[in-house]
Amino acid sequence: MAVGWSCDGWRNGSSEGDESFAPLALPYVNAHVTAHVTADTTAAATAPDGTAAQETRPHAAAKPVRWAADAVATMREGARVRLDYSAQSLWRVDRMIEEIRRERAPIEAVADVLRGFGAYAGEVVVRRTGAEWWATGGEHWVRTPDGRLWDPIEEARRSFLGHGSLRLLCRDATADA
């Protein structure tokens, strides 16, 4: 099975269609997400043969769907950014991640925010392609109908580190949809 990733290291600096973001949105966003998202303490699921069990919807989708909804609410209330689960809205998410990175916040301080943004991007892919969330051992992926696996939560972390883009992940994941 192939594993899909966005175009590593390639970034388009265009901001066409993006709104400006409040430079001090991070403290509100981080506090809000931390207050509304509980830590993922799920132990790895194990199949009878001792291997990691694969979970599919609805259980595997429950946490990422909640994380995505929390990110949407947080962006609406804290940063006045509207996220509508469209591919175009991922421009705004990438820009927000870039703003957070510019504030030089440690990755540990924004881990929940990035998880929410990644889950949001995953939900965009799920809704556009008919994909489904998969989970194993506390990790969540999106499996597109062509069988490829995508890790939008890790892509959000990579984006924060300057090596990824949720918009490009969505573009790549939905290219054949």
Protein backbone atom coordinates (compact mmCIF):
# COMPACT_ATOMS: atom_id res chain seq x y z
CA MET A 1 0.00 0.00 0.00
CA ALA A 2 1.42 3.40 -0.97
CA VAL A 3 1.75 6.17 1.55
CA GLY A 4 0.94 9.66 0.30
CA TRP A 5 2.60 12.87 1.41
CA SER A 6 2.37 16.43 0.22
CA CYS A 7 5.14 17.98 -1.85
CA ASP A 8 7.90 18.11 0.76
CA GLY A 9 9.61 21.45 0.93
CA TRP A 10 7.69 23.06 -1.93
CA ARG A 11 5.75 26.11 -0.91
CA ASN A 12 3.79 28.67 -2.86
CA GLY A 13 4.01 32.09 -1.26
CA SER A 14 0.82 33.39 -2.84
CA SER A 15 -1.70 34.73 -0.40
CA GLU A 16 -4.50 35.21 -2.93
CA GLY A 17 -7.86 34.76 -1.23
CA ASP A 18 -6.46 34.80 2.29
CA GLU A 19 -7.49 37.15 5.03
CA SER A 20 -4.96 38.76 7.35
CA PHE A 21 -4.62 37.18 10.72
CA ALA A 22 -4.42 38.82 14.06
CA PRO A 23 -0.78 38.50 15.13
CA LEU A 24 -1.71 37.78 18.72
CA ALA A 25 -4.24 35.04 17.96
CA LEU A 26 -1.96 32.25 19.21
CA PRO A 27 -2.49 32.80 22.95
CA TYR A 28 -6.27 32.66 22.56
CA VAL A 29 -6.19 29.76 20.12
CA ASN A 30 -3.83 27.69 22.27
CA ALA A 31 -5.79 28.37 25.47
CA HIS A 32 -9.12 27.64 23.81
CA VAL A 33 -8.04 24.38 22.19
CA THR A 34 -6.27 23.23 25.35
CA ALA A 35 -9.44 23.86 27.33
CA HIS A 36 -11.69 22.00 24.89
CA VAL A 37 -9.56 19.13 23.64
CA THR A 38 -8.59 16.42 26.05
CA ALA A 39 -5.30 14.61 25.71
CA ASP A 40 -5.34 11.46 23.63
CA THR A 41 -4.67 8.71 26.14
CA THR A 42 -5.98 5.81 24.12
CA ALA A 43 -3.83 2.70 24.43
CA ALA A 44 -2.93 0.85 21.26
CA ALA A 45 -5.67 -1.54 20.18
CA THR A 46 -4.51 -5.11 19.80
CA ALA A 47 -6.03 -7.80 17.57
CA PRO A 48 -6.32 -11.40 18.82
CA ASP A 49 -3.13 -12.35 16.93
CA GLY A 50 -1.16 -9.69 18.82
CA THR A 51 -0.86 -7.21 15.95
CA ALA A 52 -2.22 -3.68 16.07
CA ALA A 53 -5.92 -3.70 15.24
CA GLN A 54 -7.20 -1.32 12.54
CA GLU A 55 -10.21 0.78 13.46
CA THR A 56 -12.46 2.37 10.83
CA ARG A 57 -15.44 4.71 11.02
CA PRO A 58 -17.24 5.50 13.17
CA HIS A 59 -14.87 4.89 16.09
CA ALA A 60 -11.65 5.87 14.28
CA ALA A 61 -13.26 9.11 13.10
CA ALA A 62 -14.64 10.21 16.47
CA LYS A 63 -11.53 11.97 17.77
CA PRO A 64 -10.33 13.60 14.53
CA VAL A 65 -13.84 14.83 13.75
CA ARG A 66 -14.03 16.38 17.23
CA TRP A 67 -10.55 17.90 16.91
CA ALA A 68 -11.51 19.39 13.52
CA ALA A 69 -14.76 20.83 14.89
CA ASP A 70 -12.87 22.35 17.82
CA ALA A 71 -10.38 23.95 15.39
CA VAL A 72 -13.24 25.43 13.36
CA ALA A 73 -14.89 26.87 16.48
CA THR A 74 -11.60 28.18 17.83
CA MET A 75 -10.69 29.92 14.58
CA ARG A 76 -14.15 31.45 14.32
CA GLU A 77 -14.24 32.70 17.90
CA GLY A 78 -10.59 33.56 18.53
CA ALA A 79 -9.11 34.64 15.23
CA ARG A 80 -12.29 35.57 13.35
CA VAL A 81 -11.33 33.13 10.58
CA ARG A 82 -14.09 31.16 8.90
CA LEU A 83 -13.28 27.54 8.07
CA ASP A 84 -15.92 25.82 5.93
CA TYR A 85 -14.29 22.46 5.13
CA SER A 86 -13.44 23.61 1.60
CA ALA A 87 -10.07 23.02 -0.04
CA GLN A 88 -9.72 26.80 -0.35
CA SER A 89 -10.00 27.20 3.42
CA LEU A 90 -6.72 25.31 3.81
CA TRP A 91 -4.93 28.44 2.53
CA ARG A 92 -6.13 30.12 5.73
CA VAL A 93 -4.99 27.21 7.88
CA ASP A 94 -1.53 27.19 6.28
CA ARG A 95 -1.30 30.95 6.85
CA MET A 96 -2.35 30.56 10.49
CA ILE A 97 0.31 27.89 11.03
CA GLU A 98 2.85 30.23 9.46
CA GLU A 99 1.78 33.04 11.82
CA ILE A 100 2.13 30.73 14.82
CA ARG A 101 5.60 29.71 13.62
CA ARG A 102 6.60 33.38 13.30
CA GLU A 103 5.66 33.89 16.96
CA ARG A 104 8.34 31.27 17.73
CA ALA A 105 6.13 29.20 19.97
CA PRO A 106 7.66 25.85 20.98
CA ILE A 107 6.01 22.94 19.18
CA GLU A 108 4.98 21.42 22.52
CA ALA A 109 2.96 24.58 23.30
CA VAL A 110 0.99 24.36 20.05
CA ALA A 111 0.70 20.57 19.66
CA ASP A 112 -3.07 20.54 20.28
CA VAL A 113 -3.61 23.42 17.86
CA LEU A 114 -1.61 21.62 15.17
CA ARG A 115 -3.51 18.39 15.84
CA GLY A 116 -6.77 20.30 15.31
CA PHE A 117 -5.53 21.86 12.08
CA GLY A 118 -4.34 18.48 10.81
CA ALA A 119 -7.65 16.85 11.69
CA TYR A 120 -9.45 19.69 9.90
CA ALA A 121 -7.38 19.07 6.75
CA GLY A 122 -8.12 15.36 7.04
CA GLU A 123 -11.84 16.08 7.24
CA VAL A 124 -11.56 18.23 4.11
CA VAL A 125 -10.05 15.22 2.30
CA VAL A 126 -12.66 12.85 3.77
CA ARG A 127 -15.54 15.07 2.65
CA ARG A 128 -14.13 15.68 -0.85
CA THR A 129 -13.16 12.10 -1.70
CA GLY A 130 -15.29 9.77 0.40
CA ALA A 131 -12.15 8.75 2.30
CA GLU A 132 -12.28 7.41 5.84
CA TRP A 133 -10.32 7.87 9.04
CA TRP A 134 -8.19 4.96 10.19
CA ALA A 135 -6.52 4.62 13.58
CA THR A 136 -3.89 2.32 15.01
CA GLY A 137 -2.13 2.73 18.32
CA GLY A 138 -3.36 6.26 18.88
CA GLU A 139 -2.26 7.50 15.42
CA HIS A 140 -4.89 8.69 12.93
CA TRP A 141 -4.68 8.59 9.13
CA VAL A 142 -6.99 9.22 6.22
CA ARG A 143 -7.38 6.39 3.71
CA THR A 144 -8.57 7.60 0.33
CA PRO A 145 -10.71 5.34 -1.90
CA ASP A 146 -7.64 4.52 -4.05
CA GLY A 147 -6.04 2.89 -0.96
CA ARG A 148 -3.44 5.56 -0.20
CA LEU A 149 -2.85 6.59 3.43
CA TRP A 150 -2.36 10.25 4.38
CA ASP A 151 -1.24 11.66 7.71
CA PRO A 152 -2.66 15.19 7.91
CA ILE A 153 -1.89 15.54 11.63
CA GLU A 154 1.80 14.88 11.01
CA GLU A 155 1.63 17.19 7.98
CA ALA A 156 0.42 20.01 10.27
CA ARG A 157 3.49 19.43 12.45
CA ARG A 158 5.72 19.40 9.36
CA SER A 159 4.09 22.61 8.19
CA PHE A 160 4.84 24.24 11.53
CA LEU A 161 8.48 23.22 11.09
CA GLY A 162 8.48 24.76 7.60
CA HIS A 163 8.46 21.50 5.62
CA GLY A 164 4.85 20.86 4.67
CA SER A 165 1.51 22.28 3.63
CA LEU A 166 -2.00 21.13 4.46
CA ARG A 167 -3.27 22.75 1.26
CA LEU A 168 -0.82 20.72 -0.82
CA LEU A 169 -1.63 17.51 1.06
CA CYS A 170 -5.30 18.06 0.22
CA ARG A 171 -4.44 18.83 -3.40
CA ASP A 172 -2.40 15.64 -3.70
CA ALA A 173 -4.95 13.47 -1.88
CA THR A 174 -7.87 14.71 -3.96
CA ALA A 175 -6.12 14.86 -7.34
CA ASP A 176 -7.79 11.69 -8.63
CA ALA A 177 -11.11 12.18 -6.84
